[in-house]
Amino acid sequence: MTTDLQTLSSLFSSSDPEQIHRALQLVREEVSRVGSDQARPLFQMVSSLFYIDPHDDPELASILDEAISLVTGFGQWVIPHLVDNLDQGDLKAQMASAEALGRIGADAVDPLVEKYHSTRDPENRSFVLYALGKINSPQVDRAADLALAGARSQNLEMRDTATRTIGRFAGAIPADTLSQDILDGYYDALRANLADPNKGVKAKAVRSLGKLARYGHLDPGRKKELEAIALNLLGEDDEFRWDRAFVVRREAQEALEYFQK
């Protein structure tokens, strides 16, 4: 290596963003020089930055983003490591790993599906669904059934994440390629989640239904039904009983545009 590990370790341990940025530059140069397979020892150093909390340390937010982008360029061998990070128990690292998997894209779909089936823990499965929702590729249709199962879950975190993921899938999977059974299941599950006692789940259900409409997955009859529901949530129908949660009304207002098209 042109830069020794001790020097890199010192730079990565710094609290100075400039020093950390320099470390990332050196790693990028080293990967370009020797290839990603030969630079495996550097992965752990770079991924240690996944523990940055951008809310507590906003000056390091760009460093975290740079680290995530750099990790995705290491090659497919990082995918199992990132998937394993999803159940390591640190929320910051889990979210950063999910973001990295999302940027890797379609190659991460099957490993994530395998991870989902390998565990029964709803928290682990929730993070798998969160990561799948980050992937903007039609290939996520191979995980379409997982999002449906999650949206029907009795576990709040699972239901919340899956309800959001369905909306993500709606934008990634082209209209008319999603199986009718899955589409019907999505519609019914999201309609059911409109009555969820948790306002976050309810708001995400409205948003995901809006995305199904926006990206051409819903027929005119279903959009008409949802238009009436959105107007009811906004208090703009004959009942004049709007939803008390602002977040739900906000999502209904945004989705209404697509229900009316």
Protein backbone atom coordinates (compact mmCIF):
# COMPACT_ATOMS: atom_id res chain seq x y z
CA MET A 1 0.00 0.00 0.00
CA THR A 2 1.26 3.48 -0.83
CA THR A 3 -0.32 4.77 2.42
CA ASP A 4 0.28 2.66 5.52
CA LEU A 5 -2.64 1.47 7.61
CA GLN A 6 -1.40 3.25 10.70
CA THR A 7 -1.53 6.63 8.96
CA LEU A 8 -5.02 5.90 7.63
CA SER A 9 -6.19 4.75 11.04
CA SER A 10 -4.97 8.00 12.56
CA LEU A 11 -6.77 10.06 9.92
CA PHE A 12 -10.01 8.10 10.33
CA SER A 13 -9.86 8.56 14.11
CA SER A 14 -9.74 12.34 13.78
CA SER A 15 -12.72 14.55 14.60
CA ASP A 16 -11.61 17.01 11.92
CA PRO A 17 -13.74 16.62 8.76
CA GLU A 18 -10.80 17.66 6.59
CA GLN A 19 -8.64 14.89 8.00
CA ILE A 20 -11.35 12.28 7.48
CA HIS A 21 -12.00 13.55 3.97
CA ARG A 22 -8.28 13.17 3.27
CA ALA A 23 -8.43 9.59 4.55
CA LEU A 24 -11.30 8.82 2.19
CA GLN A 25 -9.38 10.34 -0.70
CA LEU A 26 -6.38 8.15 0.08
CA VAL A 27 -8.58 5.05 0.22
CA ARG A 28 -10.17 5.94 -3.11
CA GLU A 29 -6.72 6.34 -4.66
CA GLU A 30 -5.57 3.04 -3.20
CA VAL A 31 -8.63 1.19 -4.52
CA SER A 32 -8.01 2.66 -7.97
CA ARG A 33 -4.38 1.57 -7.81
CA VAL A 34 -4.67 -2.01 -6.54
CA GLY A 35 -8.31 -2.92 -7.20
CA SER A 36 -11.13 -3.41 -4.74
CA ASP A 37 -10.28 -7.06 -3.94
CA GLN A 38 -6.82 -6.11 -2.74
CA ALA A 39 -8.19 -3.22 -0.68
CA ARG A 40 -10.38 -5.34 1.62
CA PRO A 41 -8.57 -4.24 4.80
CA LEU A 42 -9.72 -0.70 4.06
CA PHE A 43 -13.41 -1.60 4.09
CA GLN A 44 -13.60 -1.82 7.87
CA MET A 45 -11.98 1.60 8.21
CA VAL A 46 -14.38 3.25 5.81
CA SER A 47 -17.47 1.49 7.19
CA SER A 48 -16.51 2.61 10.71
CA LEU A 49 -17.81 6.01 9.60
CA PHE A 50 -21.29 4.49 9.37
CA TYR A 51 -21.57 5.15 13.10
CA ILE A 52 -21.59 8.91 12.50
CA ASP A 53 -24.81 10.52 13.65
CA PRO A 54 -25.52 13.34 11.16
CA HIS A 55 -28.03 14.86 13.58
CA ASP A 56 -25.52 15.15 16.42
CA ASP A 57 -22.62 15.99 14.08
CA PRO A 58 -24.11 17.77 11.05
CA GLU A 59 -20.64 18.90 9.97
CA LEU A 60 -19.87 15.22 9.30
CA ALA A 61 -23.00 14.51 7.22
CA SER A 62 -21.12 14.96 3.93
CA ILE A 63 -18.36 12.67 5.22
CA LEU A 64 -20.91 9.94 5.94
CA ASP A 65 -22.39 10.33 2.45
CA GLU A 66 -18.91 10.14 0.92
CA ALA A 67 -18.12 7.00 2.93
CA ILE A 68 -21.32 5.30 1.78
CA SER A 69 -20.56 6.13 -1.85
CA LEU A 70 -17.00 4.86 -1.50
CA VAL A 71 -18.11 1.56 0.02
CA THR A 72 -20.46 0.88 -2.90
CA GLY A 73 -17.47 1.04 -5.22
CA PHE A 74 -15.56 -1.72 -3.45
CA GLY A 75 -17.37 -4.42 -5.42
CA GLN A 76 -19.96 -7.10 -4.85
CA TRP A 77 -17.96 -8.73 -2.08
CA VAL A 78 -19.10 -5.97 0.30
CA ILE A 79 -22.77 -6.93 -0.05
CA PRO A 80 -22.75 -9.78 2.53
CA HIS A 81 -20.95 -7.52 5.01
CA LEU A 82 -23.49 -4.75 4.53
CA VAL A 83 -26.38 -7.19 4.83
CA ASP A 84 -24.91 -8.51 8.09
CA ASN A 85 -24.68 -4.93 9.37
CA LEU A 86 -28.46 -4.66 9.21
CA ASP A 87 -28.82 -6.65 12.42
CA GLN A 88 -25.87 -5.27 14.38
CA GLY A 89 -28.10 -3.24 16.70
CA ASP A 90 -26.77 0.26 16.00
CA LEU A 91 -29.43 2.31 14.24
CA LYS A 92 -26.96 4.70 12.59
CA ALA A 93 -24.87 1.90 11.10
CA GLN A 94 -27.97 -0.01 10.07
CA MET A 95 -29.39 2.96 8.18
CA ALA A 96 -26.06 3.73 6.51
CA SER A 97 -25.66 0.09 5.46
CA ALA A 98 -29.19 0.10 4.05
CA GLU A 99 -28.38 3.25 2.09
CA ALA A 100 -25.22 1.64 0.71
CA LEU A 101 -27.16 -1.45 -0.37
CA GLY A 102 -29.70 0.80 -2.04
CA ARG A 103 -26.96 2.51 -4.03
CA ILE A 104 -25.48 -0.85 -5.03
CA GLY A 105 -28.86 -1.65 -6.54
CA ALA A 106 -30.19 -4.81 -8.15
CA ASP A 107 -27.23 -6.98 -7.12
CA ALA A 108 -28.29 -6.56 -3.49
CA VAL A 109 -31.88 -7.78 -3.98
CA ASP A 110 -31.33 -11.54 -3.74
CA PRO A 111 -28.95 -11.37 -0.74
CA LEU A 112 -31.51 -9.22 1.07
CA VAL A 113 -34.34 -11.61 0.25
CA GLU A 114 -32.19 -14.47 1.54
CA LYS A 115 -31.49 -12.50 4.72
CA TYR A 116 -35.21 -11.89 5.23
CA HIS A 117 -35.98 -15.59 5.04
CA SER A 118 -33.09 -16.49 7.34
CA THR A 119 -34.53 -14.67 10.34
CA ARG A 120 -37.85 -14.50 12.16
CA ASP A 121 -36.93 -11.37 14.09
CA PRO A 122 -39.30 -8.56 13.04
CA GLU A 123 -36.71 -5.86 13.70
CA ASN A 124 -34.19 -7.54 11.42
CA ARG A 125 -36.82 -8.09 8.78
CA SER A 126 -37.84 -4.45 9.05
CA PHE A 127 -34.33 -3.29 8.21
CA VAL A 128 -34.19 -5.70 5.29
CA LEU A 129 -37.39 -4.18 3.93
CA TYR A 130 -36.01 -0.70 4.58
CA ALA A 131 -32.92 -1.55 2.52
CA LEU A 132 -35.00 -3.09 -0.27
CA GLY A 133 -37.03 0.11 -0.39
CA LYS A 134 -33.81 2.01 -1.08
CA ILE A 135 -33.17 0.05 -4.29
CA ASN A 136 -34.50 1.82 -7.36
CA SER A 137 -34.60 -1.13 -9.73
CA PRO A 138 -37.38 -3.20 -11.31
CA GLN A 139 -35.59 -6.21 -9.84
CA VAL A 140 -37.16 -5.47 -6.47
CA ASP A 141 -40.26 -7.22 -7.80
CA ARG A 142 -38.55 -10.38 -6.54
CA ALA A 143 -39.22 -9.04 -3.04
CA ALA A 144 -42.74 -7.78 -3.72
CA ASP A 145 -44.33 -10.51 -1.62
CA LEU A 146 -42.14 -9.65 1.38
CA ALA A 147 -43.46 -6.09 1.46
CA LEU A 148 -47.01 -7.40 1.29
CA ALA A 149 -46.47 -9.78 4.20
CA GLY A 150 -44.87 -7.00 6.20
CA ALA A 151 -47.72 -4.59 5.59
CA ARG A 152 -50.08 -7.17 7.08
CA SER A 153 -47.86 -7.84 10.11
CA GLN A 154 -49.07 -7.47 13.68
CA ASN A 155 -45.68 -5.99 14.55
CA LEU A 156 -45.84 -2.18 14.39
CA GLU A 157 -42.29 -1.57 13.17
CA MET A 158 -42.62 -4.23 10.50
CA ARG A 159 -45.99 -2.90 9.36
CA ASP A 160 -44.73 0.68 9.31
CA THR A 161 -41.61 -0.12 7.26
CA ALA A 162 -43.39 -2.41 4.81
CA THR A 163 -46.19 0.10 4.24
CA ARG A 164 -43.55 2.65 3.24
CA THR A 165 -41.64 0.11 1.14
CA ILE A 166 -44.68 -0.64 -0.99
CA GLY A 167 -44.67 2.99 -2.11
CA ARG A 168 -40.99 2.72 -2.94
CA PHE A 169 -41.62 -0.41 -4.98
CA ALA A 170 -44.42 1.37 -6.82
CA GLY A 171 -41.88 3.81 -8.20
CA ALA A 172 -39.27 1.16 -9.02
CA ILE A 173 -41.43 -1.52 -10.67
CA PRO A 174 -42.94 -0.49 -14.02
CA ALA A 175 -46.72 -0.44 -14.29
CA ASP A 176 -48.28 -3.61 -15.76
CA THR A 177 -45.33 -5.77 -14.65
CA LEU A 178 -46.44 -6.24 -11.05
CA SER A 179 -48.54 -9.39 -10.74
CA GLN A 180 -52.26 -8.78 -10.26
CA ASP A 181 -52.32 -10.85 -7.07
CA ILE A 182 -49.57 -8.74 -5.52
CA LEU A 183 -51.16 -5.52 -6.70
CA ASP A 184 -54.54 -6.54 -5.27
CA GLY A 185 -52.79 -7.49 -2.04
CA TYR A 186 -51.02 -4.13 -1.87
CA TYR A 187 -54.25 -2.25 -2.42
CA ASP A 188 -56.16 -4.22 0.21
CA ALA A 189 -53.34 -4.08 2.78
CA LEU A 190 -52.86 -0.33 2.35
CA ARG A 191 -56.60 0.26 2.52
CA ALA A 192 -56.66 -1.71 5.78
CA ASN A 193 -53.73 0.32 7.12
CA LEU A 194 -55.69 3.51 6.57
CA ALA A 195 -57.52 2.49 9.74
CA ASP A 196 -54.31 1.81 11.65
CA PRO A 197 -54.30 3.33 15.15
CA ASN A 198 -50.73 4.50 14.56
CA LYS A 199 -50.76 7.79 12.65
CA GLY A 200 -47.35 7.08 11.12
CA VAL A 201 -48.57 3.86 9.52
CA LYS A 202 -51.76 5.56 8.41
CA ALA A 203 -49.83 8.43 6.79
CA LYS A 204 -47.50 6.02 5.00
CA ALA A 205 -50.48 4.04 3.72
CA VAL A 206 -51.90 7.21 2.17
CA ARG A 207 -48.51 8.05 0.66
CA SER A 208 -48.00 4.59 -0.80
CA LEU A 209 -51.49 4.52 -2.29
CA GLY A 210 -50.67 7.88 -3.85
CA LYS A 211 -47.53 6.40 -5.36
CA LEU A 212 -49.42 3.41 -6.73
CA ALA A 213 -51.69 5.91 -8.46
CA ARG A 214 -48.86 8.19 -9.55
CA TYR A 215 -46.90 5.42 -11.25
CA GLY A 216 -49.86 3.90 -13.09
CA HIS A 217 -50.60 0.83 -11.00
CA LEU A 218 -54.24 1.68 -10.20
CA ASP A 219 -57.28 1.56 -12.45
CA PRO A 220 -59.76 4.47 -12.60
CA GLY A 221 -62.23 2.75 -10.28
CA ARG A 222 -59.70 2.37 -7.49
CA LYS A 223 -58.43 5.92 -7.95
CA LYS A 224 -62.01 7.16 -7.64
CA GLU A 225 -62.44 5.25 -4.38
CA LEU A 226 -59.22 6.72 -3.04
CA GLU A 227 -60.16 10.22 -4.10
CA ALA A 228 -63.25 9.96 -1.89
CA ILE A 229 -61.14 8.67 1.00
CA ALA A 230 -58.60 11.48 0.63
CA LEU A 231 -61.34 14.11 0.58
CA ASN A 232 -62.78 12.57 3.73
CA LEU A 233 -59.40 12.68 5.46
CA LEU A 234 -59.12 16.34 4.50
CA GLY A 235 -62.65 17.16 5.67
CA GLU A 236 -63.63 18.24 2.17
CA ASP A 237 -66.59 15.92 1.68
CA ASP A 238 -70.12 16.07 3.03
CA GLU A 239 -69.11 14.74 6.44
CA PHE A 240 -66.67 17.59 7.24
CA ARG A 241 -64.76 15.33 9.66
CA TRP A 242 -61.08 15.64 8.81
CA ASP A 243 -58.38 13.45 10.24
CA ARG A 244 -56.88 14.94 13.38
CA ALA A 245 -53.29 14.05 12.46
CA PHE A 246 -51.63 16.75 10.37
CA VAL A 247 -49.20 14.25 8.84
CA VAL A 248 -52.12 12.19 7.53
CA ARG A 249 -53.84 15.26 6.06
CA ARG A 250 -50.59 16.40 4.45
CA GLU A 251 -50.11 13.02 2.75
CA ALA A 252 -53.77 12.99 1.67
CA GLN A 253 -53.40 16.42 0.10
CA GLU A 254 -50.34 15.33 -1.88
CA ALA A 255 -51.87 12.01 -2.96
CA LEU A 256 -55.17 13.60 -4.00
CA GLU A 257 -53.54 15.02 -7.13
CA TYR A 258 -52.74 11.52 -8.38
CA PHE A 259 -56.08 10.05 -7.39
CA GLN A 260 -57.80 12.71 -9.51
CA LYS A 261 -55.75 12.13 -12.67
